[in-house]
Amino acid sequence: MKRIAFITTATFLLLSATAYTIMAETQFSGSLKGVQITDAVGNNSPPKASFSYTPQGDTLLFDASGSFDLDGSIIEFRWDFGDGKTGSGATVSHQFGAGTFPVTLTTVDNLGGVAIEQQSVKFPLLSFEVNVNFQPANVAVPDGYSVDSGLAFDETRGYGWVSFPASDFGWRDRNNIISPDQAYDTGVFIGYNVVSQAVWELAVPQNGTYSVTVCMGDPTYGNDRQDAQVEDVSIITGEYLDPARRWIEKTSLVNVIDGRLTLKFLGSTAYARPCWIRVKSI
């Protein structure tokens, strides 16, 4: 049996993929984000390993259904939970003790290609909930919300704009009587020619799955198409504002693997109009 210890992200070529049993060595310093292994000739495109996890009582449910293989099929899902226990299958449940564990998923395709993905998992999961309202800095703040008025991301504050052009956008407080409350009455307008550049991020206490709700809209104007993605998961897709529908509000579960939840507005036309975002651990 040949054992390969992965120290950093790399691509390894094997002379014969079927001649080896691949084992992921998880006891090392540093972090393994992903590895792909295929034959040296390059006839096979290796699979892509990806997984998320959600709590189920006192256990975690791991789901590798986001893994794929472009030129074949994945025939094996192997798990190393980082606590001496292993598992197999596209979905598995595992009960941890308290601590932080390097959970590793190894996928093998029908031609012997291998891909490995590792995430650091803390258990028990920390409770986390934050609501952020997009609004001018000098107006009333809705109850239960923190304010985002266009500042760059700051580690101490824990959120802000990573990429937000300094022109063709604006912060609004409409003071419109049709608004249910101040959270719906305020927002930021992101112009169509810069909407692809706008990126907002929120630091989370640990990687894992979060429930995210995004509200986009405007009580006064707008027939624009609205789109929002969180961690590249489309939460709002191609939905239009109109006089009968001034706000669009959608919720989805997203998996964070890099300590920051990322919000984008790709696809929005004219003005993207985010009002607020709510994030909660599950």
Protein backbone atom coordinates (compact mmCIF):
# COMPACT_ATOMS: atom_id res chain seq x y z
CA MET A 1 0.00 0.00 0.00
CA LYS A 2 1.36 3.39 -0.92
CA ARG A 3 0.57 6.27 1.42
CA ILE A 4 0.79 9.89 0.32
CA ALA A 5 0.91 12.62 2.96
CA PHE A 6 -0.49 15.88 1.65
CA ILE A 7 1.18 18.92 3.21
CA THR A 8 -0.04 21.69 0.90
CA THR A 9 -2.42 22.08 -2.00
CA ALA A 10 -0.90 20.30 -5.00
CA THR A 11 -1.64 18.10 -8.00
CA PHE A 12 -0.06 14.64 -8.10
CA LEU A 13 0.17 12.46 -11.24
CA LEU A 14 0.19 8.70 -10.75
CA LEU A 15 1.65 6.37 -13.39
CA SER A 16 -1.26 4.03 -12.86
CA ALA A 17 -4.17 5.25 -10.81
CA THR A 18 -5.51 1.73 -10.30
CA ALA A 19 -2.22 0.49 -8.82
CA TYR A 20 -2.54 2.54 -5.65
CA THR A 21 -4.83 2.70 -2.69
CA ILE A 22 -5.04 6.41 -1.84
CA MET A 23 -5.17 7.46 1.78
CA ALA A 24 -5.50 11.03 3.00
CA GLU A 25 -3.07 11.71 5.85
CA THR A 26 -4.86 14.26 8.02
CA GLN A 27 -2.37 14.64 10.87
CA PHE A 28 -0.22 17.49 9.60
CA SER A 29 0.50 21.16 10.22
CA GLY A 30 -1.31 23.60 7.96
CA SER A 31 -4.51 23.20 6.02
CA LEU A 32 -5.46 21.09 3.02
CA LYS A 33 -7.96 22.84 0.79
CA GLY A 34 -8.07 20.44 -2.11
CA VAL A 35 -6.07 17.88 -4.09
CA GLN A 36 -6.78 16.20 -7.42
CA ILE A 37 -5.01 13.06 -8.62
CA THR A 38 -5.20 11.48 -12.06
CA ASP A 39 -3.10 9.40 -14.46
CA ALA A 40 0.13 10.86 -15.83
CA VAL A 41 -1.16 10.64 -19.41
CA GLY A 42 -4.02 12.92 -18.50
CA ASN A 43 -6.74 10.90 -20.23
CA ASN A 44 -9.06 11.21 -17.24
CA SER A 45 -10.35 14.43 -15.75
CA PRO A 46 -10.34 13.90 -11.95
CA PRO A 47 -13.50 14.49 -9.93
CA LYS A 48 -14.26 17.53 -7.79
CA ALA A 49 -14.78 16.85 -4.08
CA SER A 50 -17.09 19.15 -2.12
CA PHE A 51 -19.17 18.76 1.01
CA SER A 52 -21.33 20.64 3.50
CA TYR A 53 -22.57 19.72 6.97
CA THR A 54 -25.59 20.48 9.13
CA PRO A 55 -26.47 19.53 12.73
CA GLN A 56 -28.94 16.75 13.48
CA GLY A 57 -29.39 16.71 17.22
CA ASP A 58 -26.03 15.79 18.75
CA THR A 59 -24.53 14.65 15.41
CA LEU A 60 -23.49 16.29 12.15
CA LEU A 61 -24.87 15.22 8.77
CA PHE A 62 -22.24 15.43 6.02
CA ASP A 63 -23.43 15.79 2.44
CA ALA A 64 -21.11 15.33 -0.56
CA SER A 65 -23.81 15.68 -3.22
CA GLY A 66 -22.04 18.83 -4.47
CA SER A 67 -19.16 16.66 -5.72
CA PHE A 68 -19.06 15.87 -9.44
CA ASP A 69 -17.02 14.31 -12.25
CA LEU A 70 -17.05 15.98 -15.67
CA ASP A 71 -16.14 12.92 -17.76
CA GLY A 72 -17.52 10.06 -15.74
CA SER A 73 -19.06 9.29 -12.37
CA ILE A 74 -17.96 9.18 -8.75
CA ILE A 75 -18.02 5.61 -7.46
CA GLU A 76 -16.60 6.07 -3.95
CA PHE A 77 -17.00 8.60 -1.15
CA ARG A 78 -14.55 8.01 1.73
CA TRP A 79 -14.61 10.04 4.94
CA ASP A 80 -11.94 10.58 7.58
CA PHE A 81 -13.53 12.51 10.47
CA GLY A 82 -10.22 13.48 12.04
CA ASP A 83 -11.00 11.74 15.34
CA GLY A 84 -9.90 8.25 14.38
CA LYS A 85 -13.24 7.31 12.81
CA THR A 86 -14.06 6.86 9.12
CA GLY A 87 -17.13 6.43 6.96
CA SER A 88 -18.34 5.98 3.40
CA GLY A 89 -21.20 7.14 1.20
CA ALA A 90 -22.38 10.40 -0.34
CA THR A 91 -24.16 11.31 2.92
CA VAL A 92 -23.03 10.22 6.38
CA SER A 93 -23.76 11.15 9.98
CA HIS A 94 -21.10 11.34 12.67
CA GLN A 95 -21.10 12.17 16.36
CA PHE A 96 -18.10 14.13 17.64
CA GLY A 97 -16.74 14.94 21.04
CA ALA A 98 -15.92 18.56 21.78
CA GLY A 99 -13.06 19.97 19.73
CA THR A 100 -11.86 20.92 16.28
CA PHE A 101 -11.46 18.17 13.69
CA PRO A 102 -9.92 18.05 10.16
CA VAL A 103 -12.70 16.27 8.26
CA THR A 104 -11.49 14.89 4.92
CA LEU A 105 -13.60 13.69 1.99
CA THR A 106 -11.90 11.54 -0.68
CA THR A 107 -13.82 10.90 -3.91
CA VAL A 108 -12.83 8.33 -6.53
CA ASP A 109 -14.23 8.29 -10.07
CA ASN A 110 -14.89 5.35 -12.37
CA LEU A 111 -11.46 5.70 -14.04
CA GLY A 112 -9.45 5.89 -10.84
CA GLY A 113 -9.19 9.68 -10.57
CA VAL A 114 -9.12 10.98 -6.99
CA ALA A 115 -10.05 14.31 -5.42
CA ILE A 116 -9.70 15.28 -1.77
CA GLU A 117 -11.35 18.12 0.15
CA GLN A 118 -10.73 18.96 3.81
CA GLN A 119 -12.53 21.32 6.17
CA SER A 120 -11.86 22.18 9.80
CA VAL A 121 -14.98 21.37 11.83
CA LYS A 122 -15.65 22.63 15.36
CA PHE A 123 -18.08 20.81 17.59
CA PRO A 124 -20.35 21.67 19.23
CA LEU A 125 -21.32 24.35 16.71
CA LEU A 126 -21.31 27.88 18.07
CA SER A 127 -24.59 29.80 18.09
CA PHE A 128 -24.42 32.82 15.80
CA GLU A 129 -27.00 35.32 14.58
CA VAL A 130 -26.57 38.77 13.04
CA ASN A 131 -28.83 41.15 11.11
CA VAL A 132 -27.26 43.91 9.01
CA ASN A 133 -29.23 46.80 7.49
CA PHE A 134 -27.94 48.73 4.47
CA GLN A 135 -28.71 52.39 5.20
CA PRO A 136 -27.25 55.90 5.53
CA ALA A 137 -25.18 56.32 8.67
CA ASN A 138 -27.18 59.24 10.08
CA VAL A 139 -30.72 57.82 10.10
CA ALA A 140 -32.70 55.71 12.56
CA VAL A 141 -31.52 52.12 12.98
CA PRO A 142 -34.12 49.31 12.90
CA ASP A 143 -34.44 47.32 16.12
CA GLY A 144 -32.17 44.28 16.16
CA TYR A 145 -29.95 45.39 13.28
CA SER A 146 -26.37 46.51 12.85
CA VAL A 147 -25.68 49.27 10.31
CA ASP A 148 -23.79 49.03 7.06
CA SER A 149 -23.37 52.43 5.42
CA GLY A 150 -20.68 51.63 2.90
CA LEU A 151 -17.54 51.07 4.96
CA ALA A 152 -14.82 48.65 3.90
CA PHE A 153 -14.65 45.26 5.60
CA ASP A 154 -13.16 45.53 9.07
CA GLU A 155 -12.09 42.57 11.24
CA THR A 156 -13.23 44.26 14.46
CA ARG A 157 -16.66 45.19 13.10
CA GLY A 158 -16.87 41.82 11.38
CA TYR A 159 -18.44 42.89 8.08
CA GLY A 160 -18.22 45.39 5.25
CA TRP A 161 -17.46 45.84 1.57
CA VAL A 162 -14.53 44.00 0.06
CA SER A 163 -15.17 45.54 -3.34
CA PHE A 164 -17.58 48.44 -3.76
CA PRO A 165 -16.90 51.22 -6.28
CA ALA A 166 -16.95 54.75 -4.89
CA SER A 167 -19.35 55.97 -7.57
CA ASP A 168 -22.70 55.15 -9.17
CA PHE A 169 -24.31 53.96 -5.98
CA GLY A 170 -26.08 55.52 -3.06
CA TRP A 171 -27.64 54.93 0.33
CA ARG A 172 -31.33 55.71 0.76
CA ASP A 173 -33.84 56.39 3.52
CA ARG A 174 -37.16 56.72 1.69
CA ASN A 175 -39.49 57.72 4.54
CA ASN A 176 -42.28 56.07 2.58
CA ILE A 177 -45.46 55.22 4.50
CA ILE A 178 -45.91 51.93 2.65
CA SER A 179 -42.71 50.52 4.19
CA PRO A 180 -43.43 47.96 6.94
CA ASP A 181 -40.55 49.36 9.02
CA GLN A 182 -37.21 51.15 8.76
CA ALA A 183 -35.41 48.02 7.55
CA TYR A 184 -37.58 47.96 4.42
CA ASP A 185 -37.51 51.74 4.01
CA THR A 186 -33.72 51.90 3.65
CA GLY A 187 -31.17 50.33 1.31
CA VAL A 188 -28.25 50.80 -1.03
CA PHE A 189 -28.51 51.23 -4.82
CA ILE A 190 -25.79 49.56 -6.89
CA GLY A 191 -25.63 50.81 -10.50
CA TYR A 192 -25.84 48.31 -13.35
CA ASN A 193 -22.37 49.20 -14.68
CA VAL A 194 -20.68 48.39 -11.36
CA VAL A 195 -22.96 45.70 -9.92
CA SER A 196 -20.58 42.92 -10.99
CA GLN A 197 -17.86 44.48 -8.83
CA ALA A 198 -19.84 44.78 -5.59
CA VAL A 199 -18.77 42.23 -2.96
CA TRP A 200 -19.83 42.33 0.71
CA GLU A 201 -18.58 39.95 3.39
CA LEU A 202 -19.45 38.91 6.94
CA ALA A 203 -17.03 37.09 9.25
CA VAL A 204 -18.54 33.99 10.87
CA PRO A 205 -17.23 32.33 14.06
CA GLN A 206 -16.64 28.98 12.39
CA ASN A 207 -17.12 27.23 9.08
CA GLY A 208 -20.36 25.38 8.57
CA THR A 209 -23.92 25.80 7.32
CA TYR A 210 -25.87 29.02 7.89
CA SER A 211 -29.41 30.12 7.18
CA VAL A 212 -29.25 33.34 5.15
CA THR A 213 -32.14 35.65 4.30
CA VAL A 214 -31.66 38.49 1.82
CA CYS A 215 -34.17 41.29 1.19
CA MET A 216 -33.96 43.48 -1.93
CA GLY A 217 -36.39 46.23 -2.86
CA ASP A 218 -37.48 49.85 -2.76
CA PRO A 219 -40.80 51.27 -1.50
CA THR A 220 -40.71 54.18 -3.96
CA TYR A 221 -39.18 53.17 -7.30
CA GLY A 222 -37.97 50.24 -9.31
CA ASN A 223 -38.93 47.73 -11.99
CA ASP A 224 -35.47 46.25 -11.98
CA ARG A 225 -34.32 42.65 -12.05
CA GLN A 226 -32.83 41.61 -8.70
CA ASP A 227 -30.24 38.88 -8.16
CA ALA A 228 -28.26 37.92 -5.05
CA GLN A 229 -25.73 35.16 -4.39
CA VAL A 230 -24.28 34.08 -1.05
CA GLU A 231 -21.20 31.84 -1.20
CA ASP A 232 -22.07 31.47 -4.91
CA VAL A 233 -25.47 30.02 -4.00
CA SER A 234 -28.23 31.92 -5.83
CA ILE A 235 -30.75 33.12 -3.26
CA ILE A 236 -32.62 35.61 -5.47
CA THR A 237 -32.53 34.84 -9.20
CA GLY A 238 -34.02 36.99 -11.95
CA GLU A 239 -36.95 38.38 -9.96
CA TYR A 240 -38.40 41.79 -10.78
CA LEU A 241 -39.66 44.60 -8.60
CA ASP A 242 -42.91 46.31 -9.60
CA PRO A 243 -45.58 48.49 -7.94
CA ALA A 244 -47.36 45.39 -6.63
CA ARG A 245 -44.16 43.81 -5.34
CA ARG A 246 -41.81 46.34 -3.80
CA TRP A 247 -39.62 43.82 -1.93
CA ILE A 248 -38.20 40.37 -2.66
CA GLU A 249 -37.20 38.33 0.37
CA LYS A 250 -35.65 34.85 0.11
CA THR A 251 -33.93 32.39 2.47
CA SER A 252 -31.42 29.63 1.71
CA LEU A 253 -28.89 27.42 3.49
CA VAL A 254 -25.27 28.08 2.52
CA ASN A 255 -22.00 26.44 3.50
CA VAL A 256 -19.04 28.62 4.56
CA ILE A 257 -15.57 27.07 4.36
CA ASP A 258 -13.24 30.10 4.58
CA GLY A 259 -14.51 31.96 7.66
CA ARG A 260 -16.35 34.62 5.65
CA LEU A 261 -19.82 34.69 4.15
CA THR A 262 -19.74 36.49 0.77
CA LEU A 263 -22.67 38.38 -0.78
CA LYS A 264 -22.79 39.38 -4.47
CA PHE A 265 -25.43 40.75 -6.86
CA LEU A 266 -24.44 39.34 -10.25
CA GLY A 267 -27.23 39.51 -12.84
CA SER A 268 -29.11 42.47 -11.38
CA THR A 269 -30.07 45.12 -13.94
CA ALA A 270 -30.32 48.91 -13.62
CA TYR A 271 -29.94 49.05 -9.81
CA ALA A 272 -29.43 46.19 -7.41
CA ARG A 273 -31.29 47.27 -4.26
CA PRO A 274 -30.31 45.28 -1.15
CA CYS A 275 -32.17 46.35 2.00
CA TRP A 276 -30.85 43.91 4.59
CA ILE A 277 -29.31 40.50 5.25
CA ARG A 278 -29.92 38.12 8.17
CA VAL A 279 -27.51 35.28 8.97
CA LYS A 280 -28.08 32.55 11.56
CA SER A 281 -26.30 29.34 12.45
CA ILE A 282 -28.47 26.23 12.30
